Amino acid sequence: IDGSEMTDEAWSTDHAKCLGVILVGDSVDIDSHGEVISGSTLLILFN
């Protein structure tokens, strides 16, 4: 929740119910012609 990357300890916290994730949109895939598919980088917050 402070914006820092989660540690192993944070993952194992039994009472944790809040987290966030960044999905990087650069070079997600390639199309049928071999061209790079890129999109937006997204941030998702869960509580």
ModelCIF file with pLDDT and N, C-alpha, C, O atoms, coordinates in Angstrom:
data_MODEL
#
_entry.id   MODEL 
#
_entity.id                         1 
_entity.type                       polymer 
_entity.pdbx_number_of_molecules   1 
#
_entity_poly.entity_id                      1 
_entity_poly.type                           'polypeptide(L)' 
_entity_poly.nstd_linkage                   no 
_entity_poly.nstd_monomer                   no 
_entity_poly.pdbx_seq_one_letter_code       IDGSEMTDEAWSTDHAKCLGVILVGDSVDIDSHGEVISGSTLLILFN 
_entity_poly.pdbx_seq_one_letter_code_can   IDGSEMTDEAWSTDHAKCLGVILVGDSVDIDSHGEVISGSTLLILFN 
_entity_poly.pdbx_strand_id                 A 
#
loop_
_entity_poly_seq.entity_id 
_entity_poly_seq.num 
_entity_poly_seq.mon_id 
_entity_poly_seq.hetero 
1 1  ILE n 
1 2  ASP n 
1 3  GLY n 
1 4  SER n 
1 5  GLU n 
1 6  MET n 
1 7  THR n 
1 8  ASP n 
1 9  GLU n 
1 10 ALA n 
1 11 TRP n 
1 12 SER n 
1 13 THR n 
1 14 ASP n 
1 15 HIS n 
1 16 ALA n 
1 17 LYS n 
1 18 CYS n 
1 19 LEU n 
1 20 GLY n 
1 21 VAL n 
1 22 ILE n 
1 23 LEU n 
1 24 VAL n 
1 25 GLY n 
1 26 ASP n 
1 27 SER n 
1 28 VAL n 
1 29 ASP n 
1 30 ILE n 
1 31 ASP n 
1 32 SER n 
1 33 HIS n 
1 34 GLY n 
1 35 GLU n 
1 36 VAL n 
1 37 ILE n 
1 38 SER n 
1 39 GLY n 
1 40 SER n 
1 41 THR n 
1 42 LEU n 
1 43 LEU n 
1 44 ILE n 
1 45 LEU n 
1 46 PHE n 
1 47 ASN n 
#
_struct_asym.id          A 
_struct_asym.entity_id   1 
#
loop_
_ma_qa_metric.id 
_ma_qa_metric.mode 
_ma_qa_metric.name 
_ma_qa_metric.software_group_id 
_ma_qa_metric.type 
1 global pLDDT . pLDDT 
2 local  pLDDT . pLDDT 
#
_ma_qa_metric_global.metric_id      1 
_ma_qa_metric_global.metric_value   90.23 
_ma_qa_metric_global.model_id       1 
_ma_qa_metric_global.ordinal_id     1 
#
loop_
_ma_qa_metric_local.label_asym_id 
_ma_qa_metric_local.label_comp_id 
_ma_qa_metric_local.label_seq_id 
_ma_qa_metric_local.metric_id 
_ma_qa_metric_local.metric_value 
_ma_qa_metric_local.model_id 
_ma_qa_metric_local.ordinal_id 
A ILE 1  2 95.00 1 1  
A ASP 2  2 95.00 1 2  
A GLY 3  2 95.00 1 3  
A SER 4  2 94.00 1 4  
A GLU 5  2 93.00 1 5  
A MET 6  2 91.00 1 6  
A THR 7  2 86.00 1 7  
A ASP 8  2 83.00 1 8  
A GLU 9  2 83.00 1 9  
A ALA 10 2 83.00 1 10 
A TRP 11 2 87.00 1 11 
A SER 12 2 80.00 1 12 
A THR 13 2 79.00 1 13 
A ASP 14 2 71.00 1 14 
A HIS 15 2 74.00 1 15 
A ALA 16 2 81.00 1 16 
A LYS 17 2 91.00 1 17 
A CYS 18 2 93.00 1 18 
A LEU 19 2 94.00 1 19 
A GLY 20 2 96.00 1 20 
A VAL 21 2 97.00 1 21 
A ILE 22 2 96.00 1 22 
A LEU 23 2 96.00 1 23 
A VAL 24 2 94.00 1 24 
A GLY 25 2 94.00 1 25 
A ASP 26 2 90.00 1 26 
A SER 27 2 87.00 1 27 
A VAL 28 2 89.00 1 28 
A ASP 29 2 88.00 1 29 
A ILE 30 2 88.00 1 30 
A ASP 31 2 85.00 1 31 
A SER 32 2 85.00 1 32 
A HIS 33 2 89.00 1 33 
A GLY 34 2 89.00 1 34 
A GLU 35 2 89.00 1 35 
A VAL 36 2 90.00 1 36 
A ILE 37 2 90.00 1 37 
A SER 38 2 91.00 1 38 
A GLY 39 2 94.00 1 39 
A SER 40 2 95.00 1 40 
A THR 41 2 96.00 1 41 
A LEU 42 2 97.00 1 42 
A LEU 43 2 98.00 1 43 
A ILE 44 2 98.00 1 44 
A LEU 45 2 98.00 1 45 
A PHE 46 2 97.00 1 46 
A ASN 47 2 97.00 1 47 
#
loop_
_atom_site.group_PDB 
_atom_site.id 
_atom_site.type_symbol 
_atom_site.label_atom_id 
_atom_site.label_alt_id 
_atom_site.label_comp_id 
_atom_site.label_asym_id 
_atom_site.label_entity_id 
_atom_site.label_seq_id 
_atom_site.pdbx_PDB_ins_code 
_atom_site.Cartn_x 
_atom_site.Cartn_y 
_atom_site.Cartn_z 
_atom_site.occupancy 
_atom_site.B_iso_or_equiv 
_atom_site.pdbx_formal_charge 
_atom_site.auth_seq_id 
_atom_site.auth_comp_id 
_atom_site.auth_asym_id 
_atom_site.auth_atom_id 
_atom_site.pdbx_PDB_model_num 
ATOM 1   N N  . ILE A 1 1  ? 0.814   -1.214  0.000   1.00 95.00 ? 1  ILE A N  1 
ATOM 2   C CA . ILE A 1 1  ? 0.000   0.000   0.000   1.00 95.00 ? 1  ILE A CA 1 
ATOM 3   C C  . ILE A 1 1  ? 0.851   1.268   0.000   1.00 95.00 ? 1  ILE A C  1 
ATOM 4   O O  . ILE A 1 1  ? 0.342   2.345   -0.312  1.00 95.00 ? 1  ILE A O  1 
ATOM 5   N N  . ASP A 1 2  ? 2.144   1.164   0.345   1.00 95.00 ? 2  ASP A N  1 
ATOM 6   C CA . ASP A 1 2  ? 3.004   2.349   0.294   1.00 95.00 ? 2  ASP A CA 1 
ATOM 7   C C  . ASP A 1 2  ? 3.655   2.532   -1.068  1.00 95.00 ? 2  ASP A C  1 
ATOM 8   O O  . ASP A 1 2  ? 4.509   3.400   -1.245  1.00 95.00 ? 2  ASP A O  1 
ATOM 9   N N  . GLY A 1 3  ? 3.245   1.702   -2.038  1.00 95.00 ? 3  GLY A N  1 
ATOM 10  C CA . GLY A 1 3  ? 3.768   1.824   -3.388  1.00 95.00 ? 3  GLY A CA 1 
ATOM 11  C C  . GLY A 1 3  ? 5.035   1.051   -3.642  1.00 95.00 ? 3  GLY A C  1 
ATOM 12  O O  . GLY A 1 3  ? 5.518   1.008   -4.774  1.00 95.00 ? 3  GLY A O  1 
ATOM 13  N N  . SER A 1 4  ? 5.588   0.436   -2.609  1.00 94.00 ? 4  SER A N  1 
ATOM 14  C CA . SER A 1 4  ? 6.807   -0.351  -2.775  1.00 94.00 ? 4  SER A CA 1 
ATOM 15  C C  . SER A 1 4  ? 6.466   -1.759  -3.256  1.00 94.00 ? 4  SER A C  1 
ATOM 16  O O  . SER A 1 4  ? 5.325   -2.208  -3.147  1.00 94.00 ? 4  SER A O  1 
ATOM 17  N N  . GLU A 1 5  ? 7.478   -2.449  -3.790  1.00 93.00 ? 5  GLU A N  1 
ATOM 18  C CA . GLU A 1 5  ? 7.252   -3.799  -4.285  1.00 93.00 ? 5  GLU A CA 1 
ATOM 19  C C  . GLU A 1 5  ? 7.062   -4.761  -3.119  1.00 93.00 ? 5  GLU A C  1 
ATOM 20  O O  . GLU A 1 5  ? 7.755   -4.670  -2.105  1.00 93.00 ? 5  GLU A O  1 
ATOM 21  N N  . MET A 1 6  ? 6.125   -5.674  -3.275  1.00 91.00 ? 6  MET A N  1 
ATOM 22  C CA . MET A 1 6  ? 5.804   -6.611  -2.202  1.00 91.00 ? 6  MET A CA 1 
ATOM 23  C C  . MET A 1 6  ? 6.962   -7.569  -1.951  1.00 91.00 ? 6  MET A C  1 
ATOM 24  O O  . MET A 1 6  ? 7.658   -7.997  -2.872  1.00 91.00 ? 6  MET A O  1 
ATOM 25  N N  . THR A 1 7  ? 7.139   -7.883  -0.698  1.00 86.00 ? 7  THR A N  1 
ATOM 26  C CA . THR A 1 7  ? 8.164   -8.828  -0.277  1.00 86.00 ? 7  THR A CA 1 
ATOM 27  C C  . THR A 1 7  ? 7.527   -10.183 0.015   1.00 86.00 ? 7  THR A C  1 
ATOM 28  O O  . THR A 1 7  ? 6.303   -10.296 0.082   1.00 86.00 ? 7  THR A O  1 
ATOM 29  N N  . ASP A 1 8  ? 8.354   -11.205 0.188   1.00 83.00 ? 8  ASP A N  1 
ATOM 30  C CA . ASP A 1 8  ? 7.844   -12.530 0.532   1.00 83.00 ? 8  ASP A CA 1 
ATOM 31  C C  . ASP A 1 8  ? 7.052   -12.485 1.834   1.00 83.00 ? 8  ASP A C  1 
ATOM 32  O O  . ASP A 1 8  ? 6.055   -13.190 1.992   1.00 83.00 ? 8  ASP A O  1 
ATOM 33  N N  . GLU A 1 9  ? 7.503   -11.655 2.757   1.00 83.00 ? 9  GLU A N  1 
ATOM 34  C CA . GLU A 1 9  ? 6.811   -11.556 4.040   1.00 83.00 ? 9  GLU A CA 1 
ATOM 35  C C  . GLU A 1 9  ? 5.411   -10.987 3.857   1.00 83.00 ? 9  GLU A C  1 
ATOM 36  O O  . GLU A 1 9  ? 4.463   -11.427 4.509   1.00 83.00 ? 9  GLU A O  1 
ATOM 37  N N  . ALA A 1 10 ? 5.286   -10.003 2.964   1.00 83.00 ? 10 ALA A N  1 
ATOM 38  C CA . ALA A 1 10 ? 3.968   -9.403  2.729   1.00 83.00 ? 10 ALA A CA 1 
ATOM 39  C C  . ALA A 1 10 ? 2.999   -10.411 2.129   1.00 83.00 ? 10 ALA A C  1 
ATOM 40  O O  . ALA A 1 10 ? 1.815   -10.415 2.463   1.00 83.00 ? 10 ALA A O  1 
ATOM 41  N N  . TRP A 1 11 ? 3.507   -11.273 1.237   1.00 87.00 ? 11 TRP A N  1 
ATOM 42  C CA . TRP A 1 11 ? 2.649   -12.278 0.620   1.00 87.00 ? 11 TRP A CA 1 
ATOM 43  C C  . TRP A 1 11 ? 2.095   -13.263 1.637   1.00 87.00 ? 11 TRP A C  1 
ATOM 44  O O  . TRP A 1 11 ? 0.993   -13.784 1.467   1.00 87.00 ? 11 TRP A O  1 
ATOM 45  N N  . SER A 1 12 ? 2.842   -13.512 2.674   1.00 80.00 ? 12 SER A N  1 
ATOM 46  C CA . SER A 1 12 ? 2.445   -14.550 3.628   1.00 80.00 ? 12 SER A CA 1 
ATOM 47  C C  . SER A 1 12 ? 1.647   -14.010 4.804   1.00 80.00 ? 12 SER A C  1 
ATOM 48  O O  . SER A 1 12 ? 1.315   -14.762 5.721   1.00 80.00 ? 12 SER A O  1 
ATOM 49  N N  . THR A 1 13 ? 1.337   -12.724 4.793   1.00 79.00 ? 13 THR A N  1 
ATOM 50  C CA . THR A 1 13 ? 0.565   -12.146 5.889   1.00 79.00 ? 13 THR A CA 1 
ATOM 51  C C  . THR A 1 13 ? -0.878  -12.627 5.831   1.00 79.00 ? 13 THR A C  1 
ATOM 52  O O  . THR A 1 13 ? -1.573  -12.401 4.840   1.00 79.00 ? 13 THR A O  1 
ATOM 53  N N  . ASP A 1 14 ? -1.329  -13.289 6.891   1.00 71.00 ? 14 ASP A N  1 
ATOM 54  C CA . ASP A 1 14 ? -2.649  -13.920 6.876   1.00 71.00 ? 14 ASP A CA 1 
ATOM 55  C C  . ASP A 1 14 ? -3.791  -12.925 6.765   1.00 71.00 ? 14 ASP A C  1 
ATOM 56  O O  . ASP A 1 14 ? -4.817  -13.220 6.152   1.00 71.00 ? 14 ASP A O  1 
ATOM 57  N N  . HIS A 1 15 ? -3.618  -11.742 7.358   1.00 74.00 ? 15 HIS A N  1 
ATOM 58  C CA . HIS A 1 15 ? -4.732  -10.802 7.410   1.00 74.00 ? 15 HIS A CA 1 
ATOM 59  C C  . HIS A 1 15 ? -4.752  -9.826  6.232   1.00 74.00 ? 15 HIS A C  1 
ATOM 60  O O  . HIS A 1 15 ? -5.665  -9.006  6.138   1.00 74.00 ? 15 HIS A O  1 
ATOM 61  N N  . ALA A 1 16 ? -3.771  -9.896  5.335   1.00 81.00 ? 16 ALA A N  1 
ATOM 62  C CA . ALA A 1 16 ? -3.682  -8.945  4.235   1.00 81.00 ? 16 ALA A CA 1 
ATOM 63  C C  . ALA A 1 16 ? -4.864  -9.093  3.283   1.00 81.00 ? 16 ALA A C  1 
ATOM 64  O O  . ALA A 1 16 ? -5.204  -10.198 2.859   1.00 81.00 ? 16 ALA A O  1 
ATOM 65  N N  . LYS A 1 17 ? -5.477  -7.971  2.959   1.00 91.00 ? 17 LYS A N  1 
ATOM 66  C CA . LYS A 1 17 ? -6.621  -7.963  2.050   1.00 91.00 ? 17 LYS A CA 1 
ATOM 67  C C  . LYS A 1 17 ? -6.499  -6.872  0.997   1.00 91.00 ? 17 LYS A C  1 
ATOM 68  O O  . LYS A 1 17 ? -7.439  -6.615  0.245   1.00 91.00 ? 17 LYS A O  1 
ATOM 69  N N  . CYS A 1 18 ? -5.335  -6.234  0.948   1.00 93.00 ? 18 CYS A N  1 
ATOM 70  C CA . CYS A 1 18 ? -5.135  -5.111  0.038   1.00 93.00 ? 18 CYS A CA 1 
ATOM 71  C C  . CYS A 1 18 ? -3.809  -5.273  -0.676  1.00 93.00 ? 18 CYS A C  1 
ATOM 72  O O  . CYS A 1 18 ? -2.802  -5.605  -0.051  1.00 93.00 ? 18 CYS A O  1 
ATOM 73  N N  . LEU A 1 19 ? -3.799  -5.042  -1.978  1.00 94.00 ? 19 LEU A N  1 
ATOM 74  C CA . LEU A 1 19 ? -2.571  -5.111  -2.755  1.00 94.00 ? 19 LEU A CA 1 
ATOM 75  C C  . LEU A 1 19 ? -2.781  -4.363  -4.065  1.00 94.00 ? 19 LEU A C  1 
ATOM 76  O O  . LEU A 1 19 ? -3.901  -4.013  -4.437  1.00 94.00 ? 19 LEU A O  1 
ATOM 77  N N  . GLY A 1 20 ? -1.660  -4.130  -4.754  1.00 96.00 ? 20 GLY A N  1 
ATOM 78  C CA . GLY A 1 20 ? -1.715  -3.480  -6.059  1.00 96.00 ? 20 GLY A CA 1 
ATOM 79  C C  . GLY A 1 20 ? -0.824  -4.209  -7.035  1.00 96.00 ? 20 GLY A C  1 
ATOM 80  O O  . GLY A 1 20 ? 0.035   -4.997  -6.642  1.00 96.00 ? 20 GLY A O  1 
ATOM 81  N N  . VAL A 1 21 ? -1.037  -3.937  -8.329  1.00 97.00 ? 21 VAL A N  1 
ATOM 82  C CA . VAL A 1 21 ? -0.208  -4.576  -9.340  1.00 97.00 ? 21 VAL A CA 1 
ATOM 83  C C  . VAL A 1 21 ? -0.063  -3.643  -10.534 1.00 97.00 ? 21 VAL A C  1 
ATOM 84  O O  . VAL A 1 21 ? -1.013  -2.976  -10.942 1.00 97.00 ? 21 VAL A O  1 
ATOM 85  N N  . ILE A 1 22 ? 1.153   -3.611  -11.087 1.00 96.00 ? 22 ILE A N  1 
ATOM 86  C CA . ILE A 1 22 ? 1.431   -2.899  -12.334 1.00 96.00 ? 22 ILE A CA 1 
ATOM 87  C C  . ILE A 1 22 ? 1.582   -3.934  -13.435 1.00 96.00 ? 22 ILE A C  1 
ATOM 88  O O  . ILE A 1 22 ? 2.388   -4.858  -13.319 1.00 96.00 ? 22 ILE A O  1 
ATOM 89  N N  . LEU A 1 23 ? 0.808   -3.782  -14.504 1.00 96.00 ? 23 LEU A N  1 
ATOM 90  C CA . LEU A 1 23 ? 0.931   -4.627  -15.688 1.00 96.00 ? 23 LEU A CA 1 
ATOM 91  C C  . LEU A 1 23 ? 1.581   -3.794  -16.780 1.00 96.00 ? 23 LEU A C  1 
ATOM 92  O O  . LEU A 1 23 ? 0.973   -2.858  -17.300 1.00 96.00 ? 23 LEU A O  1 
ATOM 93  N N  . VAL A 1 24 ? 2.808   -4.130  -17.124 1.00 94.00 ? 24 VAL A N  1 
ATOM 94  C CA . VAL A 1 24 ? 3.580   -3.333  -18.070 1.00 94.00 ? 24 VAL A CA 1 
ATOM 95  C C  . VAL A 1 24 ? 3.106   -3.631  -19.484 1.00 94.00 ? 24 VAL A C  1 
ATOM 96  O O  . VAL A 1 24 ? 3.071   -4.786  -19.907 1.00 94.00 ? 24 VAL A O  1 
ATOM 97  N N  . GLY A 1 25 ? 2.741   -2.577  -20.211 1.00 94.00 ? 25 GLY A N  1 
ATOM 98  C CA . GLY A 1 25 ? 2.130   -2.747  -21.527 1.00 94.00 ? 25 GLY A CA 1 
ATOM 99  C C  . GLY A 1 25 ? 3.084   -2.767  -22.688 1.00 94.00 ? 25 GLY A C  1 
ATOM 100 O O  . GLY A 1 25 ? 2.656   -2.970  -23.824 1.00 94.00 ? 25 GLY A O  1 
ATOM 101 N N  . ASP A 1 26 ? 4.373   -2.563  -22.448 1.00 90.00 ? 26 ASP A N  1 
ATOM 102 C CA . ASP A 1 26 ? 5.344   -2.571  -23.540 1.00 90.00 ? 26 ASP A CA 1 
ATOM 103 C C  . ASP A 1 26 ? 5.605   -3.998  -24.021 1.00 90.00 ? 26 ASP A C  1 
ATOM 104 O O  . ASP A 1 26 ? 5.768   -4.910  -23.211 1.00 90.00 ? 26 ASP A O  1 
ATOM 105 N N  . SER A 1 27 ? 5.642   -4.184  -25.324 1.00 87.00 ? 27 SER A N  1 
ATOM 106 C CA . SER A 1 27 ? 6.009   -5.470  -25.924 1.00 87.00 ? 27 SER A CA 1 
ATOM 107 C C  . SER A 1 27 ? 5.239   -6.629  -25.305 1.00 87.00 ? 27 SER A C  1 
ATOM 108 O O  . SER A 1 27 ? 5.824   -7.601  -24.826 1.00 87.00 ? 27 SER A O  1 
ATOM 109 N N  . VAL A 1 28 ? 3.927   -6.506  -25.325 1.00 89.00 ? 28 VAL A N  1 
ATOM 110 C CA . VAL A 1 28 ? 3.085   -7.547  -24.741 1.00 89.00 ? 28 VAL A CA 1 
ATOM 111 C C  . VAL A 1 28 ? 3.134   -8.820  -25.580 1.00 89.00 ? 28 VAL A C  1 
ATOM 112 O O  . VAL A 1 28 ? 3.111   -9.923  -25.035 1.00 89.00 ? 28 VAL A O  1 
ATOM 113 N N  . ASP A 1 29 ? 3.201   -8.672  -26.907 1.00 88.00 ? 29 ASP A N  1 
ATOM 114 C CA . ASP A 1 29 ? 3.117   -9.832  -27.779 1.00 88.00 ? 29 ASP A CA 1 
ATOM 115 C C  . ASP A 1 29 ? 3.613   -9.426  -29.155 1.00 88.00 ? 29 ASP A C  1 
ATOM 116 O O  . ASP A 1 29 ? 4.073   -8.302  -29.355 1.00 88.00 ? 29 ASP A O  1 
ATOM 117 N N  . ILE A 1 30 ? 3.516   -10.350 -30.100 1.00 88.00 ? 30 ILE A N  1 
ATOM 118 C CA . ILE A 1 30 ? 3.754   -10.035 -31.498 1.00 88.00 ? 30 ILE A CA 1 
ATOM 119 C C  . ILE A 1 30 ? 2.532   -10.473 -32.289 1.00 88.00 ? 30 ILE A C  1 
ATOM 120 O O  . ILE A 1 30 ? 1.848   -11.422 -31.905 1.00 88.00 ? 30 ILE A O  1 
ATOM 121 N N  . ASP A 1 31 ? 2.253   -9.776  -33.410 1.00 85.00 ? 31 ASP A N  1 
ATOM 122 C CA . ASP A 1 31 ? 1.101   -10.136 -34.219 1.00 85.00 ? 31 ASP A CA 1 
ATOM 123 C C  . ASP A 1 31 ? 1.482   -11.197 -35.242 1.00 85.00 ? 31 ASP A C  1 
ATOM 124 O O  . ASP A 1 31 ? 2.596   -11.722 -35.220 1.00 85.00 ? 31 ASP A O  1 
ATOM 125 N N  . SER A 1 32 ? 0.545   -11.510 -36.145 1.00 85.00 ? 32 SER A N  1 
ATOM 126 C CA . SER A 1 32 ? 0.776   -12.593 -37.105 1.00 85.00 ? 32 SER A CA 1 
ATOM 127 C C  . SER A 1 32 ? 1.877   -12.268 -38.103 1.00 85.00 ? 32 SER A C  1 
ATOM 128 O O  . SER A 1 32 ? 2.378   -13.165 -38.781 1.00 85.00 ? 32 SER A O  1 
ATOM 129 N N  . HIS A 1 33 ? 2.259   -10.999 -38.203 1.00 89.00 ? 33 HIS A N  1 
ATOM 130 C CA . HIS A 1 33 ? 3.340   -10.594 -39.102 1.00 89.00 ? 33 HIS A CA 1 
ATOM 131 C C  . HIS A 1 33 ? 4.647   -10.374 -38.362 1.00 89.00 ? 33 HIS A C  1 
ATOM 132 O O  . HIS A 1 33 ? 5.625   -9.908  -38.946 1.00 89.00 ? 33 HIS A O  1 
ATOM 133 N N  . GLY A 1 34 ? 4.668   -10.711 -37.071 1.00 89.00 ? 34 GLY A N  1 
ATOM 134 C CA . GLY A 1 34 ? 5.883   -10.563 -36.288 1.00 89.00 ? 34 GLY A CA 1 
ATOM 135 C C  . GLY A 1 34 ? 6.103   -9.187  -35.714 1.00 89.00 ? 34 GLY A C  1 
ATOM 136 O O  . GLY A 1 34 ? 7.151   -8.920  -35.126 1.00 89.00 ? 34 GLY A O  1 
ATOM 137 N N  . GLU A 1 35 ? 5.114   -8.293  -35.877 1.00 89.00 ? 35 GLU A N  1 
ATOM 138 C CA . GLU A 1 35 ? 5.241   -6.949  -35.343 1.00 89.00 ? 35 GLU A CA 1 
ATOM 139 C C  . GLU A 1 35 ? 4.895   -6.941  -33.854 1.00 89.00 ? 35 GLU A C  1 
ATOM 140 O O  . GLU A 1 35 ? 4.011   -7.672  -33.407 1.00 89.00 ? 35 GLU A O  1 
ATOM 141 N N  . VAL A 1 36 ? 5.596   -6.112  -33.103 1.00 90.00 ? 36 VAL A N  1 
ATOM 142 C CA . VAL A 1 36 ? 5.394   -6.044  -31.663 1.00 90.00 ? 36 VAL A CA 1 
ATOM 143 C C  . VAL A 1 36 ? 4.045   -5.396  -31.345 1.00 90.00 ? 36 VAL A C  1 
ATOM 144 O O  . VAL A 1 36 ? 3.681   -4.373  -31.926 1.00 90.00 ? 36 VAL A O  1 
ATOM 145 N N  . ILE A 1 37 ? 3.321   -6.003  -30.422 1.00 90.00 ? 37 ILE A N  1 
ATOM 146 C CA . ILE A 1 37 ? 2.064   -5.443  -29.915 1.00 90.00 ? 37 ILE A CA 1 
ATOM 147 C C  . ILE A 1 37 ? 2.339   -4.793  -28.569 1.00 90.00 ? 37 ILE A C  1 
ATOM 148 O O  . ILE A 1 37 ? 2.794   -5.452  -27.634 1.00 90.00 ? 37 ILE A O  1 
ATOM 149 N N  . SER A 1 38 ? 2.066   -3.515  -28.476 1.00 91.00 ? 38 SER A N  1 
ATOM 150 C CA . SER A 1 38 ? 2.229   -2.786  -27.224 1.00 91.00 ? 38 SER A CA 1 
ATOM 151 C C  . SER A 1 38 ? 0.945   -2.050  -26.893 1.00 91.00 ? 38 SER A C  1 
ATOM 152 O O  . SER A 1 38 ? 0.157   -1.713  -27.777 1.00 91.00 ? 38 SER A O  1 
ATOM 153 N N  . GLY A 1 39 ? 0.752   -1.811  -25.631 1.00 94.00 ? 39 GLY A N  1 
ATOM 154 C CA . GLY A 1 39 ? -0.419  -1.072  -25.183 1.00 94.00 ? 39 GLY A CA 1 
ATOM 155 C C  . GLY A 1 39 ? -0.072  -0.269  -23.956 1.00 94.00 ? 39 GLY A C  1 
ATOM 156 O O  . GLY A 1 39 ? 1.097   0.022   -23.702 1.00 94.00 ? 39 GLY A O  1 
ATOM 157 N N  . SER A 1 40 ? -1.081  0.088   -23.198 1.00 95.00 ? 40 SER A N  1 
ATOM 158 C CA . SER A 1 40 ? -0.874  0.910   -22.015 1.00 95.00 ? 40 SER A CA 1 
ATOM 159 C C  . SER A 1 40 ? -0.333  0.076   -20.861 1.00 95.00 ? 40 SER A C  1 
ATOM 160 O O  . SER A 1 40 ? -0.577  -1.128  -20.772 1.00 95.00 ? 40 SER A O  1 
ATOM 161 N N  . THR A 1 41 ? 0.397   0.737   -19.990 1.00 96.00 ? 41 THR A N  1 
ATOM 162 C CA . THR A 1 41 ? 0.768   0.147   -18.708 1.00 96.00 ? 41 THR A CA 1 
ATOM 163 C C  . THR A 1 41 ? -0.343  0.469   -17.716 1.00 96.00 ? 41 THR A C  1 
ATOM 164 O O  . THR A 1 41 ? -0.738  1.626   -17.575 1.00 96.00 ? 41 THR A O  1 
ATOM 165 N N  . LEU A 1 42 ? -0.844  -0.549  -17.033 1.00 97.00 ? 42 LEU A N  1 
ATOM 166 C CA . LEU A 1 42 ? -1.988  -0.396  -16.150 1.00 97.00 ? 42 LEU A CA 1 
ATOM 167 C C  . LEU A 1 42 ? -1.602  -0.623  -14.700 1.00 97.00 ? 42 LEU A C  1 
ATOM 168 O O  . LEU A 1 42 ? -0.706  -1.409  -14.389 1.00 97.00 ? 42 LEU A O  1 
ATOM 169 N N  . LEU A 1 43 ? -2.289  0.075   -13.832 1.00 98.00 ? 43 LEU A N  1 
ATOM 170 C CA . LEU A 1 43 ? -2.146  -0.088  -12.379 1.00 98.00 ? 43 LEU A CA 1 
ATOM 171 C C  . LEU A 1 43 ? -3.505  -0.493  -11.832 1.00 98.00 ? 43 LEU A C  1 
ATOM 172 O O  . LEU A 1 43 ? -4.512  0.166   -12.093 1.00 98.00 ? 43 LEU A O  1 
ATOM 173 N N  . ILE A 1 44 ? -3.525  -1.580  -11.072 1.00 98.00 ? 44 ILE A N  1 
ATOM 174 C CA . ILE A 1 44 ? -4.785  -2.061  -10.487 1.00 98.00 ? 44 ILE A CA 1 
ATOM 175 C C  . ILE A 1 44 ? -4.612  -2.162  -8.981  1.00 98.00 ? 44 ILE A C  1 
ATOM 176 O O  . ILE A 1 44 ? -3.660  -2.772  -8.495  1.00 98.00 ? 44 ILE A O  1 
ATOM 177 N N  . LEU A 1 45 ? -5.534  -1.562  -8.252  1.00 98.00 ? 45 LEU A N  1 
ATOM 178 C CA . LEU A 1 45 ? -5.500  -1.572  -6.791  1.00 98.00 ? 45 LEU A CA 1 
ATOM 179 C C  . LEU A 1 45 ? -6.699  -2.353  -6.266  1.00 98.00 ? 45 LEU A C  1 
ATOM 180 O O  . LEU A 1 45 ? -7.824  -2.153  -6.724  1.00 98.00 ? 45 LEU A O  1 
ATOM 181 N N  . PHE A 1 46 ? -6.460  -3.237  -5.310  1.00 97.00 ? 46 PHE A N  1 
ATOM 182 C CA . PHE A 1 46 ? -7.508  -4.081  -4.735  1.00 97.00 ? 46 PHE A CA 1 
ATOM 183 C C  . PHE A 1 46 ? -7.599  -3.833  -3.232  1.00 97.00 ? 46 PHE A C  1 
ATOM 184 O O  . PHE A 1 46 ? -6.582  -3.774  -2.541  1.00 97.00 ? 46 PHE A O  1 
ATOM 185 N N  . ASN A 1 47 ? -8.809  -3.691  -2.742  1.00 97.00 ? 47 ASN A N  1 
ATOM 186 C CA . ASN A 1 47 ? -9.027  -3.591  -1.297  1.00 97.00 ? 47 ASN A CA 1 
ATOM 187 C C  . ASN A 1 47 ? -10.277 -4.390  -0.943  1.00 97.00 ? 47 ASN A C  1 
ATOM 188 O O  . ASN A 1 47 ? -10.660 -4.451  0.225   1.00 97.00 ? 47 ASN A O  1 
#
